[in-house]
Amino acid sequence: MILENEPLLGRKMHSHYKMQQIAYILFVSGVLTLGTASASAEGRTSSQVVSGNGLTRQQFEALPDTALIDFNGRRTTKARIRAKEAQSRDAAVRVQALAQQSRAEFKQRLTRYEQERKTQLGVGRTKAMEEFARLSQAQARQVKAIEVEAAQLQERSRRVSPAEKAQIEQRADQLLQQLYRLEDR
């Protein structure tokens, strides 16, 4: 026997049993709020007044629809109890349908949010990559300019006086510092 769905089935069966209990409790409490039966129903001298306290489901089912049931001094007919029970079941079905609809709407909103978020992330990623490319190109141009100037300084240093050579070395140090700063970015 496959027992994979047993917990799910157990919950469904438990939920169904709970729904039946709730419906029964609701119809009994509905009976209590209905008040006493009409004067004409009480006026009947019927031996069919049954105490609802301690009444089992089977005993209730065995009663005729016109039987009066007394719950702590409040009387009503079995037919009215059944009507309240049906109303309670209908209300439970409506609540369950609304819950399913709410879950479906939530899933739709979540899906829409995730799609919008992915779109925003994609736009942000594209902008970041463009900025990175722009900065990389600017940095590459600066490195190229430093390399060109360094090559020119090296060429000049071959045919200059020692005083000018000191100036060239000073400028070469400056260019080297610029390269270090570019690497740190």
Protein backbone atom coordinates (compact mmCIF):
# COMPACT_ATOMS: atom_id res chain seq x y z
CA MET A 1 0.00 0.00 0.00
CA ILE A 2 1.38 3.43 -0.92
CA LEU A 3 1.44 5.72 2.10
CA GLU A 4 2.85 8.85 0.44
CA ASN A 5 -0.44 10.72 0.61
CA GLU A 6 -1.47 9.43 4.00
CA PRO A 7 -0.66 12.67 5.89
CA LEU A 8 -2.50 14.72 3.25
CA LEU A 9 -5.47 12.34 3.27
CA GLY A 10 -5.41 12.32 7.06
CA ARG A 11 -5.57 16.12 7.10
CA LYS A 12 -8.37 16.16 4.55
CA MET A 13 -10.34 13.57 6.48
CA HIS A 14 -9.65 15.41 9.73
CA SER A 15 -10.65 18.67 8.07
CA HIS A 16 -13.86 17.10 6.75
CA TYR A 17 -14.66 15.72 10.20
CA LYS A 18 -13.93 19.14 11.74
CA MET A 19 -16.21 20.79 9.16
CA GLN A 20 -19.00 18.38 10.13
CA GLN A 21 -18.44 19.12 13.80
CA ILE A 22 -18.45 22.86 13.16
CA ALA A 23 -21.60 22.60 11.07
CA TYR A 24 -23.31 20.62 13.83
CA ILE A 25 -22.19 23.10 16.48
CA LEU A 26 -23.31 26.00 14.31
CA PHE A 27 -26.70 24.52 13.71
CA VAL A 28 -27.15 23.79 17.41
CA SER A 29 -26.09 27.31 18.32
CA GLY A 30 -28.35 28.59 15.56
CA VAL A 31 -31.15 26.71 17.19
CA LEU A 32 -30.36 28.40 20.47
CA THR A 33 -30.48 31.81 18.81
CA LEU A 34 -33.73 31.06 17.05
CA GLY A 35 -35.49 31.31 20.36
CA THR A 36 -38.58 29.42 21.16
CA ALA A 37 -40.76 27.90 18.51
CA SER A 38 -43.82 29.76 17.44
CA ALA A 39 -46.77 29.90 19.76
CA SER A 40 -48.75 27.61 17.48
CA ALA A 41 -46.00 24.98 17.68
CA GLU A 42 -45.93 25.25 21.46
CA GLY A 43 -49.67 25.28 21.60
CA ARG A 44 -49.78 21.80 20.19
CA THR A 45 -50.08 19.23 22.84
CA SER A 46 -47.49 16.93 21.42
CA SER A 47 -45.66 14.22 23.17
CA GLN A 48 -42.85 14.81 20.62
CA VAL A 49 -40.89 17.41 22.66
CA VAL A 50 -37.44 15.91 22.96
CA SER A 51 -34.59 17.15 25.13
CA GLY A 52 -31.71 18.22 22.89
CA ASN A 53 -29.18 17.89 25.69
CA GLY A 54 -27.40 14.59 25.23
CA LEU A 55 -29.23 13.84 21.95
CA THR A 56 -27.02 11.74 19.66
CA ARG A 57 -26.83 12.20 15.93
CA GLN A 58 -28.62 8.88 15.33
CA GLN A 59 -31.42 9.83 17.70
CA PHE A 60 -31.72 13.20 15.99
CA GLU A 61 -31.93 11.56 12.56
CA ALA A 62 -34.68 9.20 13.78
CA LEU A 63 -36.93 12.11 14.78
CA PRO A 64 -39.62 13.40 12.39
CA ASP A 65 -39.13 16.88 10.90
CA THR A 66 -41.98 18.25 12.99
CA ALA A 67 -40.55 17.06 16.31
CA LEU A 68 -39.89 19.80 18.83
CA ILE A 69 -36.46 19.75 20.37
CA ASP A 70 -35.79 21.54 23.62
CA PHE A 71 -32.31 23.00 24.21
CA ASN A 72 -32.10 24.50 27.68
CA GLY A 73 -35.65 25.84 27.58
CA ARG A 74 -35.55 26.94 23.95
CA ARG A 75 -37.62 24.92 21.52
CA THR A 76 -37.39 24.51 17.79
CA THR A 77 -38.28 21.92 15.20
CA LYS A 78 -35.97 19.43 13.57
CA ALA A 79 -36.78 21.04 10.20
CA ARG A 80 -35.50 24.43 11.43
CA ILE A 81 -32.36 22.79 12.78
CA ARG A 82 -31.80 21.13 9.39
CA ALA A 83 -32.31 24.47 7.64
CA LYS A 84 -29.71 26.12 9.90
CA GLU A 85 -27.35 23.20 9.31
CA ALA A 86 -27.75 23.62 5.54
CA GLN A 87 -27.06 27.35 5.89
CA SER A 88 -23.94 26.57 7.90
CA ARG A 89 -22.72 24.10 5.26
CA ASP A 90 -23.37 26.66 2.51
CA ALA A 91 -21.47 29.28 4.47
CA ALA A 92 -18.55 26.87 4.96
CA VAL A 93 -18.50 26.13 1.21
CA ARG A 94 -18.52 29.87 0.44
CA VAL A 95 -15.69 30.48 2.91
CA GLN A 96 -13.66 27.68 1.36
CA ALA A 97 -14.28 29.07 -2.14
CA LEU A 98 -13.22 32.54 -1.01
CA ALA A 99 -10.06 31.09 0.55
CA GLN A 100 -9.20 29.33 -2.71
CA GLN A 101 -9.87 32.50 -4.66
CA SER A 102 -7.67 34.50 -2.26
CA ARG A 103 -4.84 31.98 -2.64
CA ALA A 104 -5.13 32.15 -6.44
CA GLU A 105 -5.10 35.97 -6.38
CA PHE A 106 -2.09 35.94 -4.07
CA LYS A 107 -0.22 33.60 -6.41
CA GLN A 108 -1.01 35.88 -9.36
CA ARG A 109 0.20 38.95 -7.49
CA LEU A 110 3.34 37.15 -6.35
CA THR A 111 4.07 36.05 -9.92
CA ARG A 112 3.55 39.60 -11.18
CA TYR A 113 5.80 40.99 -8.44
CA GLU A 114 8.55 38.48 -9.23
CA GLN A 115 8.36 39.32 -12.94
CA GLU A 116 8.56 43.05 -12.22
CA ARG A 117 11.45 42.46 -9.82
CA LYS A 118 13.33 40.42 -12.44
CA THR A 119 12.73 43.17 -14.99
CA GLN A 120 14.03 45.81 -12.57
CA LEU A 121 17.07 43.70 -11.76
CA GLY A 122 17.74 43.20 -15.46
CA VAL A 123 17.53 46.94 -16.11
CA GLY A 124 19.79 47.64 -13.13
CA ARG A 125 22.27 44.99 -14.26
CA THR A 126 22.33 46.45 -17.77
CA LYS A 127 22.96 49.96 -16.42
CA ALA A 128 25.73 48.68 -14.15
CA MET A 129 27.40 46.83 -17.02
CA GLU A 130 27.20 49.92 -19.23
CA GLU A 131 28.74 52.05 -16.46
CA PHE A 132 31.44 49.45 -15.90
CA ALA A 133 32.21 49.38 -19.61
CA ARG A 134 32.30 53.18 -19.71
CA LEU A 135 34.62 53.33 -16.70
CA SER A 136 36.78 50.55 -18.12
CA GLN A 137 37.10 52.41 -21.41
CA ALA A 138 37.96 55.65 -19.61
CA GLN A 139 40.51 53.82 -17.47
CA ALA A 140 41.97 52.13 -20.55
CA ARG A 141 42.33 55.54 -22.24
CA GLN A 142 44.10 56.90 -19.14
CA VAL A 143 46.45 53.91 -19.02
CA LYS A 144 47.18 54.31 -22.74
CA ALA A 145 47.92 58.03 -22.27
CA ILE A 146 50.28 57.22 -19.38
CA GLU A 147 52.03 54.54 -21.46
CA VAL A 148 52.49 56.95 -24.38
CA GLU A 149 53.86 59.69 -22.13
CA ALA A 150 56.15 57.20 -20.37
CA ALA A 151 57.51 56.04 -23.74
CA GLN A 152 58.11 59.66 -24.75
CA LEU A 153 59.88 60.36 -21.44
CA GLN A 154 62.09 57.33 -21.90
CA GLU A 155 63.01 58.45 -25.41
CA ARG A 156 63.77 61.99 -24.22
CA SER A 157 65.84 60.75 -21.28
CA ARG A 158 68.43 59.25 -23.65
CA ARG A 159 69.55 62.61 -25.00
CA VAL A 160 69.10 65.11 -22.18
CA SER A 161 71.31 66.69 -19.56
CA PRO A 162 71.43 65.37 -15.99
CA ALA A 163 69.28 68.30 -14.75
CA GLU A 164 66.55 67.53 -17.26
CA LYS A 165 66.91 63.82 -16.47
CA ALA A 166 65.89 64.57 -12.83
CA GLN A 167 62.74 66.32 -14.09
CA ILE A 168 61.94 63.37 -16.36
CA GLU A 169 62.36 60.92 -13.46
CA GLN A 170 60.11 63.07 -11.29
CA ARG A 171 57.43 63.02 -13.99
CA ALA A 172 57.87 59.25 -14.41
CA ASP A 173 57.24 58.82 -10.65
CA GLN A 174 54.04 60.88 -11.01
CA LEU A 175 52.89 58.69 -13.91
CA LEU A 176 53.61 55.56 -11.86
CA GLN A 177 51.50 56.92 -8.96
CA GLN A 178 48.66 57.59 -11.41
CA LEU A 179 48.84 53.97 -12.57
CA TYR A 180 48.67 52.73 -8.95
CA ARG A 181 45.58 54.89 -8.31
CA LEU A 182 43.88 53.51 -11.43
CA GLU A 183 44.55 49.95 -10.27
CA ASP A 184 42.99 50.68 -6.85
CA ARG A 185 39.64 51.69 -8.37
